[in-house]
Protein backbone atom coordinates (compact mmCIF):
# COMPACT_ATOMS: atom_id res chain seq x y z
CA UNK A 1 107.17 105.46 17.65
CA UNK A 2 107.38 108.91 19.25
CA UNK A 3 110.26 109.88 21.50
CA UNK A 4 108.07 109.34 24.57
CA UNK A 5 107.17 105.76 23.66
CA UNK A 6 109.45 102.88 24.50
CA UNK A 7 109.53 99.45 22.90
CA UNK A 8 109.84 97.45 26.13
CA UNK A 9 110.45 94.23 24.16
CA UNK A 10 114.01 95.48 23.59
CA UNK A 11 114.53 95.66 27.34
CA UNK A 12 113.65 92.04 28.13
CA UNK A 13 116.18 90.51 30.52
CA UNK A 14 117.38 90.37 34.09
CA UNK A 15 118.91 93.47 35.65
CA UNK A 16 120.89 94.11 38.84
CA UNK A 17 120.34 97.36 40.71
CA UNK A 18 123.45 99.57 40.63
CA UNK A 19 123.96 100.86 44.19
CA UNK A 20 126.37 103.58 43.04
CA UNK A 21 123.67 105.18 40.90
CA UNK A 22 120.46 104.34 42.80
CA UNK A 23 118.78 105.70 45.91
CA UNK A 24 116.26 104.24 48.35
CA UNK A 25 115.25 107.12 50.56
CA UNK A 26 112.54 108.51 52.80
CA UNK A 27 111.12 111.85 53.88
CA UNK A 28 109.45 112.48 57.26
CA UNK A 29 108.12 115.67 58.80
CA UNK A 30 110.09 116.72 61.90
CA UNK A 31 108.66 118.88 64.72
CA UNK A 32 105.75 119.76 62.44
CA UNK A 33 107.86 122.45 60.73
CA UNK A 34 110.36 120.84 58.38
CA UNK A 35 111.23 117.65 56.54
CA UNK A 36 114.10 115.30 57.27
CA UNK A 37 115.42 113.23 54.38
CA UNK A 38 117.35 110.02 54.68
CA UNK A 39 118.14 106.83 52.89
CA UNK A 40 119.84 103.47 53.02
CA UNK A 41 123.40 103.25 51.72
CA UNK A 42 123.55 99.45 51.45
CA UNK A 43 121.05 97.54 49.34
CA UNK A 44 120.76 94.99 46.58
CA UNK A 45 118.11 94.00 44.16
CA UNK A 46 117.20 92.51 40.84
CA UNK A 47 114.42 92.90 38.35
CA UNK A 48 113.41 90.69 35.50
CA UNK A 49 111.67 92.53 32.69
CA UNK A 50 109.45 90.68 30.24
CA UNK A 51 109.03 93.26 27.48
CA UNK A 52 106.38 91.21 25.68
CA UNK A 53 104.25 90.83 28.81
CA UNK A 54 105.24 93.24 31.63
CA UNK A 55 102.85 91.40 33.99
CA UNK A 56 105.39 88.54 33.97
CA UNK A 57 108.14 90.87 35.24
CA UNK A 58 109.32 90.93 38.86
CA UNK A 59 111.32 92.98 41.35
CA UNK A 60 113.17 91.92 44.52
CA UNK A 61 114.95 94.42 46.79
CA UNK A 62 116.70 94.12 50.17
CA UNK A 63 117.82 97.16 52.19
CA UNK A 64 120.34 96.84 55.02
CA UNK A 65 118.77 98.83 57.87
CA UNK A 66 122.12 99.43 59.63
CA UNK A 67 123.06 101.65 56.66
CA UNK A 68 120.33 104.24 57.42
CA UNK A 69 121.76 107.70 56.82
CA UNK A 70 120.12 111.07 57.55
CA UNK A 71 123.42 113.00 57.67
CA UNK A 72 123.20 113.13 61.48
CA UNK A 73 125.02 110.38 63.39
CA UNK A 74 123.03 110.83 66.62
CA UNK A 75 119.68 110.61 64.78
CA UNK A 76 120.90 107.63 62.74
CA UNK A 77 121.88 105.85 65.95
CA UNK A 78 118.41 106.47 67.37
CA UNK A 79 116.78 105.18 64.16
CA UNK A 80 118.71 101.91 64.57
CA UNK A 81 117.24 101.31 68.07
CA UNK A 82 113.98 99.58 68.98
CA UNK A 83 112.27 103.01 69.04
CA UNK A 84 112.39 102.84 65.26
CA UNK A 85 113.94 100.03 63.16
CA UNK A 86 115.48 97.72 65.83
CA UNK A 87 118.34 96.78 63.51
CA UNK A 88 119.61 94.03 65.83
CA UNK A 89 116.34 92.11 65.53
CA UNK A 90 115.25 93.21 62.04
CA UNK A 91 118.38 93.85 59.95
CA UNK A 92 116.64 94.16 56.57
CA UNK A 93 113.70 95.75 54.83
CA UNK A 94 112.48 93.78 51.82
CA UNK A 95 110.19 94.28 48.86
CA UNK A 96 109.04 91.37 46.66
CA UNK A 97 106.72 92.14 43.77
CA UNK A 98 103.55 90.12 43.33
CA UNK A 99 102.23 91.84 40.19
CA UNK A 100 103.25 94.50 37.71
CA UNK A 101 100.86 96.46 35.52
CA UNK A 102 101.88 98.63 32.60
CA UNK A 103 99.60 101.68 32.58
CA UNK A 104 100.73 102.63 29.08
CA UNK A 105 103.47 105.03 28.17
CA UNK A 106 106.20 104.90 30.78
CA UNK A 107 104.02 104.30 33.85
CA UNK A 108 103.92 101.08 35.86
CA UNK A 109 102.10 99.97 39.00
CA UNK A 110 104.32 97.57 40.94
CA UNK A 111 102.42 95.73 43.68
CA UNK A 112 104.27 93.65 46.21
CA UNK A 113 105.00 92.72 49.78
CA UNK A 114 106.88 95.36 51.79
CA UNK A 115 108.34 93.94 55.00
CA UNK A 116 109.58 96.26 57.75
CA UNK A 117 110.20 94.99 61.32
CA UNK A 118 108.59 91.63 60.48
CA UNK A 119 105.33 93.31 59.38
CA UNK A 120 104.42 92.58 55.77
CA UNK A 121 101.88 94.67 53.89
CA UNK A 122 100.88 94.70 50.25
CA UNK A 123 101.68 98.08 48.66
CA UNK A 124 101.47 99.44 45.14
CA UNK A 125 104.33 101.65 43.99
CA UNK A 126 103.77 103.87 40.97
CA UNK A 127 107.01 103.82 39.00
CA UNK A 128 107.89 105.86 35.95
CA UNK A 129 110.35 104.45 33.42
CA UNK A 130 113.08 107.09 32.97
CA UNK A 131 114.76 105.53 29.96
CA UNK A 132 117.47 103.18 28.84
CA UNK A 133 121.03 103.77 27.70
CA UNK A 134 124.32 102.07 26.97
CA UNK A 135 126.84 103.52 29.40
CA UNK A 136 130.53 104.24 28.53
CA UNK A 137 131.48 100.78 29.83
CA UNK A 138 129.12 98.98 27.45
CA UNK A 139 126.47 98.21 30.08
CA UNK A 140 122.80 98.36 29.14
CA UNK A 141 121.06 100.47 31.80
CA UNK A 142 117.46 101.22 32.67
CA UNK A 143 116.06 103.73 35.14
CA UNK A 144 112.86 104.03 37.17
CA UNK A 145 111.64 106.59 39.72
CA UNK A 146 108.72 106.65 42.11
CA UNK A 147 107.50 107.32 45.61
CA UNK A 148 105.06 105.81 48.07
CA UNK A 149 103.53 107.23 51.26
CA UNK A 150 103.41 104.77 54.18
CA UNK A 151 102.18 105.01 57.76
CA UNK A 152 105.14 103.97 59.89
CA UNK A 153 103.06 102.96 62.92
CA UNK A 154 101.50 100.22 60.75
CA UNK A 155 105.00 98.67 60.68
CA UNK A 156 105.47 98.90 64.48
CA UNK A 157 107.55 102.07 64.21
CA UNK A 158 105.52 104.19 66.58
CA UNK A 159 108.04 106.21 68.64
CA UNK A 160 107.04 109.83 69.09
CA UNK A 161 107.15 112.73 71.50
CA UNK A 162 104.50 115.38 72.06
CA UNK A 163 105.52 118.95 71.35
CA UNK A 164 104.86 121.72 73.83
CA UNK A 165 103.20 123.74 71.06
CA UNK A 166 101.02 120.83 69.96
CA UNK A 167 101.64 118.11 67.45
CA UNK A 168 104.37 115.50 67.55
CA UNK A 169 108.10 115.26 66.93
CA UNK A 170 107.95 112.84 63.96
CA UNK A 171 105.15 112.46 61.43
CA UNK A 172 103.46 109.08 61.21
CA UNK A 173 103.26 109.43 57.43
CA UNK A 174 106.59 108.88 55.70
CA UNK A 175 107.22 109.06 51.96
CA UNK A 176 109.49 106.37 50.53
CA UNK A 177 111.46 107.49 47.46
CA UNK A 178 112.95 105.29 44.75
CA UNK A 179 115.53 106.28 42.12
CA UNK A 180 116.70 103.10 40.46
CA UNK A 181 119.42 102.50 37.90
CA UNK A 182 119.86 98.85 36.93
CA UNK A 183 122.38 97.11 34.69
CA UNK A 184 121.39 94.25 32.40
CA UNK A 185 123.06 90.97 33.34
CA UNK A 186 125.29 89.39 30.70
């Protein structure tokens, strides 16, 4: 086996996402001139990996919308309102996988149901396996990274404001970003 190939059979098991070493973020264009980055500070999730047959693997993730963080308290407060996420009515964003395909090498296509504001759509997230390691505390860790563009208005997040110079305040296309570190359950 070359250094770029992984024997996924060795990774079979159930893993819990480590919130201290993972990130679920997003990037949106603001005022047509720059990007604003944010994320969710509170989340939980598990994945079961079947190394013999990756198609039998699964992923389940829940993000707490109230934990949205763009490093600007006023903007975060606005994101929590009905203009955007309506955290009082829809406190979570969820993803539940429905199929996983191993493209060969370290690439996977994870298809599942993404639910935002009570709208569920099937999406396919390309994820790249970043590796596995035993950490200093004896935990077996795995890592994945990926991103997915979504159209926020398709999830009933349609707030916007026209700009005097043309265009809009917030892009309809938002890129979701995933950096996942998960620890194998005992």
